[in-house]
PDB file of all heavy atoms in Angstrom:
ATOM      1  N   GLY A   1       0.811  -1.189  -0.003  1.00  0.00           N
ATOM      2  CA  GLY A   1       0.080   0.098  -0.010  1.00  0.00           C
ATOM      3  C   GLY A   1       0.858   1.243  -0.030  1.00  0.00           C
ATOM      4  O   GLY A   1       2.072   1.302  -0.369  1.00  0.00           O
ATOM      5  N   ILE A   2       0.257   2.304   0.534  1.00  0.00           N
ATOM      6  CA  ILE A   2       0.803   3.561   0.608  1.00  0.00           C
ATOM      7  C   ILE A   2       1.097   3.998   2.139  1.00  0.00           C
ATOM      8  O   ILE A   2       0.176   3.576   2.907  1.00  0.00           O
ATOM      9  CB  ILE A   2       0.029   4.718  -0.021  1.00  0.00           C
ATOM     10  CG1 ILE A   2      -0.174   4.356  -1.559  1.00  0.00           C
ATOM     11  CG2 ILE A   2       0.539   6.130   0.208  1.00  0.00           C
ATOM     12  CD1 ILE A   2      -1.234   5.266  -2.215  1.00  0.00           C
ATOM     13  N   LEU A   3       2.251   4.467   2.464  1.00  0.00           N
ATOM     14  CA  LEU A   3       2.538   4.816   3.883  1.00  0.00           C
ATOM     15  C   LEU A   3       2.971   6.228   3.922  1.00  0.00           C
ATOM     16  O   LEU A   3       3.651   6.685   3.137  1.00  0.00           O
ATOM     17  CB  LEU A   3       3.720   3.906   4.341  1.00  0.00           C
ATOM     18  CG  LEU A   3       4.296   4.343   5.788  1.00  0.00           C
ATOM     19  CD1 LEU A   3       3.333   3.928   6.813  1.00  0.00           C
ATOM     20  CD2 LEU A   3       5.645   3.660   5.998  1.00  0.00           C
ATOM     21  N   PHE A   4       2.419   6.865   5.024  1.00  0.00           N
ATOM     22  CA  PHE A   4       2.852   8.325   5.315  1.00  0.00           C
ATOM     23  C   PHE A   4       3.590   8.058   6.661  1.00  0.00           C
ATOM     24  O   PHE A   4       3.020   7.583   7.612  1.00  0.00           O
ATOM     25  CB  PHE A   4       1.703   9.280   5.478  1.00  0.00           C
ATOM     26  CG  PHE A   4       1.035   9.460   4.194  1.00  0.00           C
ATOM     27  CD1 PHE A   4      -0.130   8.825   3.870  1.00  0.00           C
ATOM     28  CD2 PHE A   4       1.553  10.365   3.252  1.00  0.00           C
ATOM     29  CE1 PHE A   4      -0.801   9.073   2.688  1.00  0.00           C
ATOM     30  CE2 PHE A   4       1.028  10.622   1.998  1.00  0.00           C
ATOM     31  CZ  PHE A   4      -0.223  10.017   1.791  1.00  0.00           C
ATOM     32  N   ASP A   5       4.852   8.547   6.829  1.00  0.00           N
ATOM     33  CA  ASP A   5       5.667   8.305   7.968  1.00  0.00           C
ATOM     34  C   ASP A   5       6.687   9.355   7.971  1.00  0.00           C
ATOM     35  O   ASP A   5       7.369   9.619   6.912  1.00  0.00           O
ATOM     36  CB  ASP A   5       6.228   6.973   7.910  1.00  0.00           C
ATOM     37  CG  ASP A   5       6.680   6.436   9.315  1.00  0.00           C
ATOM     38  OD1 ASP A   5       7.523   7.135   9.943  1.00  0.00           O
ATOM     39  OD2 ASP A   5       6.262   5.416   9.783  1.00  0.00           O
ATOM     40  N   ASP A   6       7.028   9.849   9.179  1.00  0.00           N
ATOM     41  CA  ASP A   6       8.025  10.867   9.312  1.00  0.00           C
ATOM     42  C   ASP A   6       9.418  10.229   9.404  1.00  0.00           C
ATOM     43  O   ASP A   6      10.420  10.944   9.154  1.00  0.00           O
ATOM     44  CB  ASP A   6       7.778  11.802  10.529  1.00  0.00           C
ATOM     45  CG  ASP A   6       7.783  10.923  11.854  1.00  0.00           C
ATOM     46  OD1 ASP A   6       7.040   9.958  11.935  1.00  0.00           O
ATOM     47  OD2 ASP A   6       8.541  11.377  12.800  1.00  0.00           O
ATOM     48  N   GLU A   7       9.580   8.965   9.586  1.00  0.00           N
ATOM     49  CA  GLU A   7      10.749   8.372   9.811  1.00  0.00           C
ATOM     50  C   GLU A   7      11.375   7.814   8.397  1.00  0.00           C
ATOM     51  O   GLU A   7      10.724   6.969   7.702  1.00  0.00           O
ATOM     52  CB  GLU A   7      10.793   7.140  10.627  1.00  0.00           C
ATOM     53  CG  GLU A   7      10.693   7.661  12.132  1.00  0.00           C
ATOM     54  CD  GLU A   7      11.424   6.777  13.156  1.00  0.00           C
ATOM     55  OE1 GLU A   7      12.281   5.987  12.747  1.00  0.00           O
ATOM     56  OE2 GLU A   7      11.053   6.960  14.390  1.00  0.00           O
ATOM     57  N   GLU A   8      12.520   8.263   8.071  1.00  0.00           N
ATOM     58  CA  GLU A   8      13.086   7.981   6.772  1.00  0.00           C
ATOM     59  C   GLU A   8      13.340   6.457   6.675  1.00  0.00           C
ATOM     60  O   GLU A   8      13.091   5.895   5.517  1.00  0.00           O
ATOM     61  CB  GLU A   8      14.423   8.750   6.495  1.00  0.00           C
ATOM     62  CG  GLU A   8      15.136   8.558   5.211  1.00  0.00           C
ATOM     63  CD  GLU A   8      16.275   9.405   4.915  1.00  0.00           C
ATOM     64  OE1 GLU A   8      16.854   9.951   5.907  1.00  0.00           O
ATOM     65  OE2 GLU A   8      16.810   9.219   3.730  1.00  0.00           O
ATOM     66  N   ARG A   9      13.859   5.749   7.582  1.00  0.00           N
ATOM     67  CA  ARG A   9      14.113   4.408   7.557  1.00  0.00           C
ATOM     68  C   ARG A   9      12.879   3.584   7.203  1.00  0.00           C
ATOM     69  O   ARG A   9      12.746   2.779   6.442  1.00  0.00           O
ATOM     70  CB  ARG A   9      14.699   3.824   8.891  1.00  0.00           C
ATOM     71  CG  ARG A   9      15.018   2.378   8.767  1.00  0.00           C
ATOM     72  CD  ARG A   9      15.410   1.864  10.124  1.00  0.00           C
ATOM     73  NE  ARG A   9      14.309   1.712  10.937  1.00  0.00           N
ATOM     74  CZ  ARG A   9      14.218   1.574  12.389  1.00  0.00           C
ATOM     75  NH1 ARG A   9      15.376   1.591  12.923  1.00  0.00           N
ATOM     76  NH2 ARG A   9      13.117   1.540  12.988  1.00  0.00           N
ATOM     77  N   ASN A  10      11.757   4.033   7.828  1.00  0.00           N
ATOM     78  CA  ASN A  10      10.448   3.267   7.568  1.00  0.00           C
ATOM     79  C   ASN A  10      10.036   3.570   6.181  1.00  0.00           C
ATOM     80  O   ASN A  10       9.515   2.576   5.500  1.00  0.00           O
ATOM     81  CB  ASN A  10       9.344   3.802   8.563  1.00  0.00           C
ATOM     82  CG  ASN A  10       9.499   3.404   9.861  1.00  0.00           C
ATOM     83  OD1 ASN A  10      10.123   2.316  10.174  1.00  0.00           O
ATOM     84  ND2 ASN A  10       8.970   4.099  10.827  1.00  0.00           N
ATOM     85  N   ARG A  11      10.168   4.719   5.671  1.00  0.00           N
ATOM     86  CA  ARG A  11       9.891   5.010   4.288  1.00  0.00           C
ATOM     87  C   ARG A  11      10.798   4.293   3.251  1.00  0.00           C
ATOM     88  O   ARG A  11      10.216   3.684   2.347  1.00  0.00           O
ATOM     89  CB  ARG A  11       9.939   6.588   3.891  1.00  0.00           C
ATOM     90  CG  ARG A  11       8.909   7.377   4.573  1.00  0.00           C
ATOM     91  CD  ARG A  11       8.833   8.769   4.088  1.00  0.00           C
ATOM     92  NE  ARG A  11      10.146   9.434   4.022  1.00  0.00           N
ATOM     93  CZ  ARG A  11      10.645  10.080   4.988  1.00  0.00           C
ATOM     94  NH1 ARG A  11      10.042  10.194   6.202  1.00  0.00           N
ATOM     95  NH2 ARG A  11      11.847  10.760   4.839  1.00  0.00           N
ATOM     96  N   ASN A  12      11.953   4.248   3.535  1.00  0.00           N
ATOM     97  CA  ASN A  12      12.962   3.429   2.694  1.00  0.00           C
ATOM     98  C   ASN A  12      12.664   1.974   2.668  1.00  0.00           C
ATOM     99  O   ASN A  12      12.558   1.364   1.644  1.00  0.00           O
ATOM    100  CB  ASN A  12      14.354   3.747   3.198  1.00  0.00           C
ATOM    101  CG  ASN A  12      14.852   5.057   2.816  1.00  0.00           C
ATOM    102  OD1 ASN A  12      14.333   5.802   2.010  1.00  0.00           O
ATOM    103  ND2 ASN A  12      15.904   5.505   3.495  1.00  0.00           N
ATOM    104  N   ASP A  13      12.434   1.349   3.798  1.00  0.00           N
ATOM    105  CA  ASP A  13      12.057  -0.129   3.869  1.00  0.00           C
ATOM    106  C   ASP A  13      10.624  -0.264   3.128  1.00  0.00           C
ATOM    107  O   ASP A  13      10.564  -1.238   2.388  1.00  0.00           O
ATOM    108  CB  ASP A  13      11.818  -0.597   5.252  1.00  0.00           C
ATOM    109  CG  ASP A  13      13.261  -0.657   6.134  1.00  0.00           C
ATOM    110  OD1 ASP A  13      14.227  -0.539   5.330  1.00  0.00           O
ATOM    111  OD2 ASP A  13      13.239  -0.920   7.207  1.00  0.00           O
ATOM    112  N   TRP A  14       9.755   0.551   3.322  1.00  0.00           N
ATOM    113  CA  TRP A  14       8.391   0.459   2.693  1.00  0.00           C
ATOM    114  C   TRP A  14       8.620   0.431   1.213  1.00  0.00           C
ATOM    115  O   TRP A  14       8.012  -0.266   0.422  1.00  0.00           O
ATOM    116  CB  TRP A  14       7.540   1.577   3.269  1.00  0.00           C
ATOM    117  CG  TRP A  14       6.016   1.237   2.877  1.00  0.00           C
ATOM    118  CD1 TRP A  14       5.398   1.578   1.654  1.00  0.00           C
ATOM    119  CD2 TRP A  14       5.051   0.626   3.723  1.00  0.00           C
ATOM    120  NE1 TRP A  14       4.143   1.314   1.776  1.00  0.00           N
ATOM    121  CE2 TRP A  14       3.865   0.625   2.973  1.00  0.00           C
ATOM    122  CE3 TRP A  14       5.063   0.118   4.980  1.00  0.00           C
ATOM    123  CZ2 TRP A  14       2.684   0.189   3.432  1.00  0.00           C
ATOM    124  CZ3 TRP A  14       3.850  -0.372   5.462  1.00  0.00           C
ATOM    125  CH2 TRP A  14       2.733  -0.369   4.666  1.00  0.00           C
ATOM    126  N   ASN A  15       9.343   1.398   0.705  1.00  0.00           N
ATOM    127  CA  ASN A  15       9.509   1.567  -0.705  1.00  0.00           C
ATOM    128  C   ASN A  15      10.208   0.403  -1.347  1.00  0.00           C
ATOM    129  O   ASN A  15       9.871   0.017  -2.465  1.00  0.00           O
ATOM    130  CB  ASN A  15      10.407   2.815  -1.048  1.00  0.00           C
ATOM    131  CG  ASN A  15       9.632   4.143  -0.954  1.00  0.00           C
ATOM    132  OD1 ASN A  15       8.434   4.141  -1.245  1.00  0.00           O
ATOM    133  ND2 ASN A  15      10.129   5.233  -0.514  1.00  0.00           N
ATOM    134  N   LYS A  16      11.007  -0.315  -0.613  1.00  0.00           N
ATOM    135  CA  LYS A  16      11.701  -1.550  -1.009  1.00  0.00           C
ATOM    136  C   LYS A  16      10.805  -2.736  -1.073  1.00  0.00           C
ATOM    137  O   LYS A  16      10.911  -3.558  -2.006  1.00  0.00           O
ATOM    138  CB  LYS A  16      12.841  -1.805  -0.182  1.00  0.00           C
ATOM    139  CG  LYS A  16      14.179  -1.131  -0.417  1.00  0.00           C
ATOM    140  CD  LYS A  16      15.235  -1.700   0.546  1.00  0.00           C
ATOM    141  CE  LYS A  16      16.280  -0.482   0.748  1.00  0.00           C
ATOM    142  NZ  LYS A  16      17.156  -0.935   1.875  1.00  0.00           N
ATOM    143  N   PHE A  17       9.933  -2.900  -0.025  1.00  0.00           N
ATOM    144  CA  PHE A  17       9.173  -4.101   0.188  1.00  0.00           C
ATOM    145  C   PHE A  17       7.634  -3.981   0.016  1.00  0.00           C
ATOM    146  O   PHE A  17       6.978  -5.034  -0.051  1.00  0.00           O
ATOM    147  CB  PHE A  17       9.501  -4.638   1.545  1.00  0.00           C
ATOM    148  CG  PHE A  17      11.026  -4.886   1.776  1.00  0.00           C
ATOM    149  CD1 PHE A  17      11.693  -4.133   2.592  1.00  0.00           C
ATOM    150  CD2 PHE A  17      11.714  -5.887   1.119  1.00  0.00           C
ATOM    151  CE1 PHE A  17      13.070  -4.346   2.868  1.00  0.00           C
ATOM    152  CE2 PHE A  17      13.054  -6.048   1.281  1.00  0.00           C
ATOM    153  CZ  PHE A  17      13.734  -5.357   2.261  1.00  0.00           C
ATOM    154  N   ALA A  18       7.146  -2.812   0.090  1.00  0.00           N
ATOM    155  CA  ALA A  18       5.619  -2.765   0.247  1.00  0.00           C
ATOM    156  C   ALA A  18       4.815  -1.792  -0.508  1.00  0.00           C
ATOM    157  O   ALA A  18       3.558  -1.739  -0.464  1.00  0.00           O
ATOM    158  CB  ALA A  18       5.397  -2.438   1.798  1.00  0.00           C
ATOM    159  N   GLY A  19       5.497  -0.976  -1.330  1.00  0.00           N
ATOM    160  CA  GLY A  19       4.711  -0.021  -2.019  1.00  0.00           C
ATOM    161  C   GLY A  19       5.325   1.305  -2.084  1.00  0.00           C
ATOM    162  O   GLY A  19       6.574   1.454  -2.401  1.00  0.00           O
ATOM    163  N   MET A  20       4.559   2.412  -1.896  1.00  0.00           N
ATOM    164  CA  MET A  20       5.087   3.691  -1.965  1.00  0.00           C
ATOM    165  C   MET A  20       4.932   4.393  -0.641  1.00  0.00           C
ATOM    166  O   MET A  20       3.887   4.247   0.054  1.00  0.00           O
ATOM    167  CB  MET A  20       4.319   4.563  -2.993  1.00  0.00           C
ATOM    168  CG  MET A  20       4.457   4.060  -4.358  1.00  0.00           C
ATOM    169  SD  MET A  20       3.512   5.154  -5.661  1.00  0.00           S
ATOM    170  CE  MET A  20       1.920   4.877  -5.167  1.00  0.00           C
ATOM    171  N   ALA A  21       6.042   5.111  -0.063  1.00  0.00           N
ATOM    172  CA  ALA A  21       6.006   5.786   1.106  1.00  0.00           C
ATOM    173  C   ALA A  21       6.290   7.271   0.932  1.00  0.00           C
ATOM    174  O   ALA A  21       7.103   7.657  -0.018  1.00  0.00           O
ATOM    175  CB  ALA A  21       6.988   5.116   2.056  1.00  0.00           C
ATOM    176  N   PHE A  22       5.725   8.091   1.680  1.00  0.00           N
ATOM    177  CA  PHE A  22       5.800   9.539   1.595  1.00  0.00           C
ATOM    178  C   PHE A  22       6.020  10.193   2.980  1.00  0.00           C
ATOM    179  O   PHE A  22       5.540   9.648   3.924  1.00  0.00           O
ATOM    180  CB  PHE A  22       4.458  10.157   0.906  1.00  0.00           C
ATOM    181  CG  PHE A  22       4.220   9.524  -0.425  1.00  0.00           C
ATOM    182  CD1 PHE A  22       3.350   8.542  -0.585  1.00  0.00           C
ATOM    183  CD2 PHE A  22       4.751  10.220  -1.550  1.00  0.00           C
ATOM    184  CE1 PHE A  22       3.101   7.978  -1.739  1.00  0.00           C
ATOM    185  CE2 PHE A  22       4.499   9.653  -2.768  1.00  0.00           C
ATOM    186  CZ  PHE A  22       3.629   8.592  -2.945  1.00  0.00           C
ATOM    187  N   GLU A  23       6.663  11.403   2.925  1.00  0.00           N
ATOM    188  CA  GLU A  23       6.750  12.155   4.126  1.00  0.00           C
ATOM    189  C   GLU A  23       5.430  12.830   4.433  1.00  0.00           C
ATOM    190  O   GLU A  23       4.561  13.018   3.529  1.00  0.00           O
ATOM    191  CB  GLU A  23       7.750  13.274   3.817  1.00  0.00           C
ATOM    192  CG  GLU A  23       9.240  12.838   3.657  1.00  0.00           C
ATOM    193  CD  GLU A  23      10.187  13.948   3.405  1.00  0.00           C
ATOM    194  OE1 GLU A  23      10.256  14.972   4.197  1.00  0.00           O
ATOM    195  OE2 GLU A  23      10.951  13.920   2.448  1.00  0.00           O
ATOM    196  N   PRO A  24       5.171  13.214   5.525  1.00  0.00           N
ATOM    197  CA  PRO A  24       3.803  13.730   5.945  1.00  0.00           C
ATOM    198  C   PRO A  24       3.477  14.995   5.253  1.00  0.00           C
ATOM    199  O   PRO A  24       2.268  15.152   5.156  1.00  0.00           O
ATOM    200  CB  PRO A  24       4.036  14.104   7.468  1.00  0.00           C
ATOM    201  CG  PRO A  24       5.110  13.189   8.035  1.00  0.00           C
ATOM    202  CD  PRO A  24       6.058  12.953   6.766  1.00  0.00           C
ATOM    203  N   CYS A  25       4.466  15.715   4.793  1.00  0.00           N
ATOM    204  CA  CYS A  25       4.140  16.959   4.015  1.00  0.00           C
ATOM    205  C   CYS A  25       3.450  16.696   2.729  1.00  0.00           C
ATOM    206  O   CYS A  25       2.990  17.702   2.076  1.00  0.00           O
ATOM    207  CB  CYS A  25       5.396  17.825   3.799  1.00  0.00           C
ATOM    208  SG  CYS A  25       6.655  16.939   2.849  1.00  0.00           S
ATOM    209  N   HIS A  26       3.452  15.492   2.236  1.00  0.00           N
ATOM    210  CA  HIS A  26       2.709  15.116   1.142  1.00  0.00           C
ATOM    211  C   HIS A  26       1.370  14.465   1.195  1.00  0.00           C
ATOM    212  O   HIS A  26       0.770  14.042   0.265  1.00  0.00           O
ATOM    213  CB  HIS A  26       3.625  14.123   0.120  1.00  0.00           C
ATOM    214  CG  HIS A  26       4.911  14.754  -0.143  1.00  0.00           C
ATOM    215  ND1 HIS A  26       5.034  15.730  -1.091  1.00  0.00           N
ATOM    216  CD2 HIS A  26       6.134  14.497   0.289  1.00  0.00           C
ATOM    217  CE1 HIS A  26       6.410  16.047  -1.195  1.00  0.00           C
ATOM    218  NE2 HIS A  26       7.058  15.325  -0.420  1.00  0.00           N
ATOM    219  N   ILE A  27       0.932  14.460   2.391  1.00  0.00           N
ATOM    220  CA  ILE A  27      -0.485  13.671   2.681  1.00  0.00           C
ATOM    221  C   ILE A  27      -1.502  14.349   1.812  1.00  0.00           C
ATOM    222  O   ILE A  27      -2.171  13.623   1.068  1.00  0.00           O
ATOM    223  CB  ILE A  27      -0.736  13.808   4.256  1.00  0.00           C
ATOM    224  CG1 ILE A  27       0.117  12.989   4.996  1.00  0.00           C
ATOM    225  CG2 ILE A  27      -2.211  13.497   4.372  1.00  0.00           C
ATOM    226  CD1 ILE A  27       0.037  13.037   6.495  1.00  0.00           C
ATOM    227  N   LYS A  28      -1.724  15.662   1.949  1.00  0.00           N
ATOM    228  CA  LYS A  28      -2.839  16.387   1.214  1.00  0.00           C
ATOM    229  C   LYS A  28      -2.778  16.082  -0.267  1.00  0.00           C
ATOM    230  O   LYS A  28      -3.783  15.682  -0.898  1.00  0.00           O
ATOM    231  CB  LYS A  28      -2.844  17.830   1.556  1.00  0.00           C
ATOM    232  CG  LYS A  28      -3.983  18.640   0.947  1.00  0.00           C
ATOM    233  CD  LYS A  28      -3.908  20.067   1.346  1.00  0.00           C
ATOM    234  CE  LYS A  28      -5.027  20.815   0.683  1.00  0.00           C
ATOM    235  NZ  LYS A  28      -5.108  22.302   1.030  1.00  0.00           N
ATOM    236  N   GLU A  29      -1.592  16.210  -0.787  1.00  0.00           N
ATOM    237  CA  GLU A  29      -1.374  16.093  -2.289  1.00  0.00           C
ATOM    238  C   GLU A  29      -1.615  14.703  -2.747  1.00  0.00           C
ATOM    239  O   GLU A  29      -2.344  14.393  -3.696  1.00  0.00           O
ATOM    240  CB  GLU A  29       0.047  16.438  -2.604  1.00  0.00           C
ATOM    241  CG  GLU A  29       0.547  16.154  -3.913  1.00  0.00           C
ATOM    242  CD  GLU A  29       2.048  16.436  -4.117  1.00  0.00           C
ATOM    243  OE1 GLU A  29       2.733  16.818  -3.151  1.00  0.00           O
ATOM    244  OE2 GLU A  29       2.541  15.953  -5.191  1.00  0.00           O
ATOM    245  N   VAL A  30      -1.109  13.716  -2.108  1.00  0.00           N
ATOM    246  CA  VAL A  30      -1.325  12.281  -2.373  1.00  0.00           C
ATOM    247  C   VAL A  30      -2.820  11.865  -2.353  1.00  0.00           C
ATOM    248  O   VAL A  30      -3.403  11.220  -3.109  1.00  0.00           O
ATOM    249  CB  VAL A  30      -0.360  11.306  -1.616  1.00  0.00           C
ATOM    250  CG1 VAL A  30      -0.740   9.824  -1.964  1.00  0.00           C
ATOM    251  CG2 VAL A  30       1.074  11.613  -1.951  1.00  0.00           C
ATOM    252  N   LEU A  31      -3.414  12.279  -1.180  1.00  0.00           N
ATOM    253  CA  LEU A  31      -4.827  11.916  -1.012  1.00  0.00           C
ATOM    254  C   LEU A  31      -5.691  12.579  -2.070  1.00  0.00           C
ATOM    255  O   LEU A  31      -6.668  11.900  -2.551  1.00  0.00           O
ATOM    256  CB  LEU A  31      -5.362  12.338   0.407  1.00  0.00           C
ATOM    257  CG  LEU A  31      -4.692  11.578   1.625  1.00  0.00           C
ATOM    258  CD1 LEU A  31      -5.269  11.951   2.945  1.00  0.00           C
ATOM    259  CD2 LEU A  31      -4.826  10.047   1.423  1.00  0.00           C
ATOM    260  N   SER A  32      -5.419  13.676  -2.557  1.00  0.00           N
ATOM    261  CA  SER A  32      -6.041  14.483  -3.514  1.00  0.00           C
ATOM    262  C   SER A  32      -5.984  13.605  -4.883  1.00  0.00           C
ATOM    263  O   SER A  32      -6.953  13.511  -5.653  1.00  0.00           O
ATOM    264  CB  SER A  32      -5.509  15.856  -3.896  1.00  0.00           C
ATOM    265  OG  SER A  32      -5.939  16.753  -2.769  1.00  0.00           O
ATOM    266  N   LEU A  33      -4.720  13.114  -5.198  1.00  0.00           N
ATOM    267  CA  LEU A  33      -4.618  12.365  -6.359  1.00  0.00           C
ATOM    268  C   LEU A  33      -5.409  10.994  -6.293  1.00  0.00           C
ATOM    269  O   LEU A  33      -5.953  10.621  -7.231  1.00  0.00           O
ATOM    270  CB  LEU A  33      -3.095  11.975  -6.552  1.00  0.00           C
ATOM    271  CG  LEU A  33      -2.229  13.200  -6.869  1.00  0.00           C
ATOM    272  CD1 LEU A  33      -0.611  12.685  -6.899  1.00  0.00           C
ATOM    273  CD2 LEU A  33      -2.591  13.709  -8.320  1.00  0.00           C
ATOM    274  N   LEU A  34      -5.486  10.491  -5.140  1.00  0.00           N
ATOM    275  CA  LEU A  34      -6.283   9.172  -4.911  1.00  0.00           C
ATOM    276  C   LEU A  34      -7.723   9.431  -5.086  1.00  0.00           C
ATOM    277  O   LEU A  34      -8.461   8.492  -5.383  1.00  0.00           O
ATOM    278  CB  LEU A  34      -6.016   8.508  -3.480  1.00  0.00           C
ATOM    279  CG  LEU A  34      -4.612   7.954  -3.383  1.00  0.00           C
ATOM    280  CD1 LEU A  34      -4.370   7.664  -1.836  1.00  0.00           C
ATOM    281  CD2 LEU A  34      -4.353   6.795  -4.252  1.00  0.00           C
ATOM    282  N   ASN A  35      -8.114  10.644  -4.761  1.00  0.00           N
ATOM    283  CA  ASN A  35      -9.645  10.999  -4.831  1.00  0.00           C
ATOM    284  C   ASN A  35     -10.090  11.335  -6.212  1.00  0.00           C
ATOM    285  O   ASN A  35     -11.277  11.689  -6.452  1.00  0.00           O
ATOM    286  CB  ASN A  35      -9.899  12.134  -3.821  1.00  0.00           C
ATOM    287  CG  ASN A  35     -11.306  12.187  -3.600  1.00  0.00           C
ATOM    288  OD1 ASN A  35     -11.979  11.245  -3.638  1.00  0.00           O
ATOM    289  ND2 ASN A  35     -11.753  13.429  -3.273  1.00  0.00           N
ATOM    290  N   HIS A  36      -9.166  11.421  -7.152  1.00  0.00           N
ATOM    291  CA  HIS A  36      -9.531  11.707  -8.622  1.00  0.00           C
ATOM    292  C   HIS A  36      -9.443  10.601  -9.540  1.00  0.00           C
ATOM    293  O   HIS A  36      -9.024   9.672  -9.361  1.00  0.00           O
ATOM    294  CB  HIS A  36      -8.736  13.023  -8.995  1.00  0.00           C
ATOM    295  CG  HIS A  36      -9.082  14.182  -8.511  1.00  0.00           C
ATOM    296  ND1 HIS A  36      -8.358  14.749  -7.438  1.00  0.00           N
ATOM    297  CD2 HIS A  36     -10.043  15.131  -8.728  1.00  0.00           C
ATOM    298  CE1 HIS A  36      -8.948  15.886  -6.979  1.00  0.00           C
ATOM    299  NE2 HIS A  36     -10.006  16.085  -7.831  1.00  0.00           N
TER     300      HIS A  36
END
């Protein structure tokens, strides 16, 4: 799935093994894209 997390290690691991991960500053933008 998609993960929003402030910890870089969590995002890096997620990107390798589970999908796409983003910093919290991208929440609004990514959710807007999912809603269209």
